[in-house]
Amino acid sequence: MDIEAFYEQNEARRESAEYEFGSEWTDASDNEYELSWVEATGELYLMVEPEAVVNEDMFGDFIVDDEAISDLTVVVIGKVASLTALEDQLQGWQESMLDENSLSWLYERFPAK
């Protein structure tokens, strides 16, 4: 679902504090993801942004086009009751996030149910 639909489904998400756990997670195709946790719901989610479109203007400057909100895809990968429990479960994430296909490390800790 897109990020706006994610927040519309549960207003507690929109009003909650969120904690980011890196924005350089990658899959086997080298797509990049951002990992965040919503305090009010306990949801841990990945958001993938499409590749940025870069254009050059008539002066030779590069302009990065803003992506549409509908292009920001969100997938909830787990629920964790507290920030402390999540930090325990994600011990070592900063180093692991930089590995090739780092989502595999993440999915070992949060297997699909």
C-alpha atoms as a PDB file:
ATOM      1  CA  MET A   1       0.000   0.000   0.000  1.00  0.00           C
ATOM      2  CA  ASP A   2       1.177   3.581  -0.403  1.00  0.00           C
ATOM      3  CA  ILE A   3       2.267   5.657   2.580  1.00  0.00           C
ATOM      4  CA  GLU A   4      -0.885   7.778   2.637  1.00  0.00           C
ATOM      5  CA  ALA A   5      -3.168   4.713   2.687  1.00  0.00           C
ATOM      6  CA  PHE A   6      -1.028   3.308   5.512  1.00  0.00           C
ATOM      7  CA  TYR A   7      -1.691   6.375   7.672  1.00  0.00           C
ATOM      8  CA  GLU A   8      -5.359   6.638   6.644  1.00  0.00           C
ATOM      9  CA  GLN A   9      -6.051   3.071   7.792  1.00  0.00           C
ATOM     10  CA  ASN A  10      -5.164   3.983  11.365  1.00  0.00           C
ATOM     11  CA  GLU A  11      -4.939   7.621  12.502  1.00  0.00           C
ATOM     12  CA  ALA A  12      -2.918   6.521  15.549  1.00  0.00           C
ATOM     13  CA  ARG A  13      -0.054   5.918  13.124  1.00  0.00           C
ATOM     14  CA  ARG A  14      -0.127   9.511  11.909  1.00  0.00           C
ATOM     15  CA  GLU A  15      -0.153  10.965  15.414  1.00  0.00           C
ATOM     16  CA  SER A  16       2.462   8.608  16.855  1.00  0.00           C
ATOM     17  CA  ALA A  17       6.163   9.036  17.397  1.00  0.00           C
ATOM     18  CA  GLU A  18       8.176   7.070  14.833  1.00  0.00           C
ATOM     19  CA  TYR A  19      11.708   5.784  15.079  1.00  0.00           C
ATOM     20  CA  GLU A  20      13.837   5.206  12.002  1.00  0.00           C
ATOM     21  CA  PHE A  21      16.258   2.304  11.830  1.00  0.00           C
ATOM     22  CA  GLY A  22      18.145   3.167   8.675  1.00  0.00           C
ATOM     23  CA  SER A  23      17.344   4.056   5.111  1.00  0.00           C
ATOM     24  CA  GLU A  24      19.911   1.922   3.285  1.00  0.00           C
ATOM     25  CA  TRP A  25      18.368  -1.545   3.557  1.00  0.00           C
ATOM     26  CA  THR A  26      18.590  -3.398   0.247  1.00  0.00           C
ATOM     27  CA  ASP A  27      16.968  -6.378  -1.404  1.00  0.00           C
ATOM     28  CA  ALA A  28      18.501  -8.830  -3.902  1.00  0.00           C
ATOM     29  CA  SER A  29      17.753  -6.362  -6.729  1.00  0.00           C
ATOM     30  CA  ASP A  30      19.560  -3.556  -4.870  1.00  0.00           C
ATOM     31  CA  ASN A  31      16.380  -1.532  -4.231  1.00  0.00           C
ATOM     32  CA  GLU A  32      16.727   0.666  -1.136  1.00  0.00           C
ATOM     33  CA  TYR A  33      14.322   0.655   1.807  1.00  0.00           C
ATOM     34  CA  GLU A  34      13.773   2.692   4.939  1.00  0.00           C
ATOM     35  CA  LEU A  35      12.908   0.866   8.170  1.00  0.00           C
ATOM     36  CA  SER A  36      10.678   2.593  10.747  1.00  0.00           C
ATOM     37  CA  TRP A  37       8.762   1.678  13.892  1.00  0.00           C
ATOM     38  CA  VAL A  38       5.446   3.290  14.927  1.00  0.00           C
ATOM     39  CA  GLU A  39       5.301   3.608  18.703  1.00  0.00           C
ATOM     40  CA  ALA A  40       1.480   3.721  19.051  1.00  0.00           C
ATOM     41  CA  THR A  41       0.837   0.541  17.070  1.00  0.00           C
ATOM     42  CA  GLY A  42       4.123  -1.336  17.517  1.00  0.00           C
ATOM     43  CA  GLU A  43       4.338  -1.791  13.747  1.00  0.00           C
ATOM     44  CA  LEU A  44       7.721  -2.161  12.113  1.00  0.00           C
ATOM     45  CA  TYR A  45       7.520  -1.246   8.454  1.00  0.00           C
ATOM     46  CA  LEU A  46       9.641  -0.938   5.348  1.00  0.00           C
ATOM     47  CA  MET A  47       9.125   1.855   2.866  1.00  0.00           C
ATOM     48  CA  VAL A  48      10.586   1.657  -0.615  1.00  0.00           C
ATOM     49  CA  GLU A  49      11.044   4.716  -2.759  1.00  0.00           C
ATOM     50  CA  PRO A  50      11.203   4.438  -6.524  1.00  0.00           C
ATOM     51  CA  GLU A  51      14.392   5.461  -8.256  1.00  0.00           C
ATOM     52  CA  ALA A  52      14.585   9.238  -8.374  1.00  0.00           C
ATOM     53  CA  VAL A  53      14.127  10.893 -11.735  1.00  0.00           C
ATOM     54  CA  VAL A  54      16.999  13.294 -12.399  1.00  0.00           C
ATOM     55  CA  ASN A  55      16.726  15.933 -15.098  1.00  0.00           C
ATOM     56  CA  GLU A  56      19.137  18.583 -16.287  1.00  0.00           C
ATOM     57  CA  ASP A  57      17.940  22.161 -16.714  1.00  0.00           C
ATOM     58  CA  MET A  58      19.078  24.572 -19.435  1.00  0.00           C
ATOM     59  CA  PHE A  59      21.930  25.816 -17.206  1.00  0.00           C
ATOM     60  CA  GLY A  60      23.366  22.332 -16.712  1.00  0.00           C
ATOM     61  CA  ASP A  61      22.082  21.980 -13.150  1.00  0.00           C
ATOM     62  CA  PHE A  62      20.619  18.659 -12.060  1.00  0.00           C
ATOM     63  CA  ILE A  63      17.113  18.626 -10.633  1.00  0.00           C
ATOM     64  CA  VAL A  64      15.685  15.657  -8.763  1.00  0.00           C
ATOM     65  CA  ASP A  65      11.938  15.322  -9.301  1.00  0.00           C
ATOM     66  CA  ASP A  66       9.823  14.762  -6.204  1.00  0.00           C
ATOM     67  CA  GLU A  67       8.177  11.377  -6.147  1.00  0.00           C
ATOM     68  CA  ALA A  68       4.435  11.085  -5.827  1.00  0.00           C
ATOM     69  CA  ILE A  69       3.121   9.957  -2.458  1.00  0.00           C
ATOM     70  CA  SER A  70       1.462   7.020  -4.211  1.00  0.00           C
ATOM     71  CA  ASP A  71       4.934   5.810  -5.258  1.00  0.00           C
ATOM     72  CA  LEU A  72       6.080   5.383  -1.633  1.00  0.00           C
ATOM     73  CA  THR A  73       5.206   1.762  -0.886  1.00  0.00           C
ATOM     74  CA  VAL A  74       4.881   0.491   2.702  1.00  0.00           C
ATOM     75  CA  VAL A  75       5.016  -3.088   3.978  1.00  0.00           C
ATOM     76  CA  VAL A  76       4.507  -3.936   7.664  1.00  0.00           C
ATOM     77  CA  ILE A  77       6.977  -6.703   8.548  1.00  0.00           C
ATOM     78  CA  GLY A  78       6.241  -7.182  12.220  1.00  0.00           C
ATOM     79  CA  LYS A  79       4.914  -5.895  15.522  1.00  0.00           C
ATOM     80  CA  VAL A  80       7.029  -5.225  18.576  1.00  0.00           C
ATOM     81  CA  ALA A  81       5.526  -4.075  21.871  1.00  0.00           C
ATOM     82  CA  SER A  82       8.261  -1.671  22.971  1.00  0.00           C
ATOM     83  CA  LEU A  83      11.232   0.273  21.702  1.00  0.00           C
ATOM     84  CA  THR A  84      13.513  -1.604  24.102  1.00  0.00           C
ATOM     85  CA  ALA A  85      12.356  -4.975  22.768  1.00  0.00           C
ATOM     86  CA  LEU A  86      12.819  -3.759  19.195  1.00  0.00           C
ATOM     87  CA  GLU A  87      16.328  -2.487  19.890  1.00  0.00           C
ATOM     88  CA  ASP A  88      17.189  -5.905  21.354  1.00  0.00           C
ATOM     89  CA  GLN A  89      15.811  -7.667  18.290  1.00  0.00           C
ATOM     90  CA  LEU A  90      17.680  -5.325  15.931  1.00  0.00           C
ATOM     91  CA  GLN A  91      21.037  -5.522  17.720  1.00  0.00           C
ATOM     92  CA  GLY A  92      23.738  -4.944  15.076  1.00  0.00           C
ATOM     93  CA  TRP A  93      21.406  -3.419  12.467  1.00  0.00           C
ATOM     94  CA  GLN A  94      23.729  -0.517  11.595  1.00  0.00           C
ATOM     95  CA  GLU A  95      26.414  -2.852  10.265  1.00  0.00           C
ATOM     96  CA  SER A  96      24.034  -5.434   8.788  1.00  0.00           C
ATOM     97  CA  MET A  97      22.058  -2.807   6.873  1.00  0.00           C
ATOM     98  CA  LEU A  98      25.150  -2.070   4.752  1.00  0.00           C
ATOM     99  CA  ASP A  99      25.550  -5.695   3.620  1.00  0.00           C
ATOM    100  CA  GLU A 100      24.370  -6.805   0.191  1.00  0.00           C
ATOM    101  CA  ASN A 101      20.704  -7.930   0.311  1.00  0.00           C
ATOM    102  CA  SER A 102      20.448  -6.759   3.922  1.00  0.00           C
ATOM    103  CA  LEU A 103      16.689  -7.425   3.991  1.00  0.00           C
ATOM    104  CA  SER A 104      17.529 -11.117   4.381  1.00  0.00           C
ATOM    105  CA  TRP A 105      19.151 -10.306   7.767  1.00  0.00           C
ATOM    106  CA  LEU A 106      16.063  -8.347   8.747  1.00  0.00           C
ATOM    107  CA  TYR A 107      13.627 -11.074   7.666  1.00  0.00           C
ATOM    108  CA  GLU A 108      15.519 -13.637   9.784  1.00  0.00           C
ATOM    109  CA  ARG A 109      14.529 -11.555  12.810  1.00  0.00           C
ATOM    110  CA  PHE A 110      10.957 -10.931  11.627  1.00  0.00           C
ATOM    111  CA  PRO A 111       9.820 -14.020   9.711  1.00  0.00           C
ATOM    112  CA  ALA A 112       6.515 -13.837   7.853  1.00  0.00           C
ATOM    113  CA  LYS A 113       3.672 -15.340   9.823  1.00  0.00           C
END
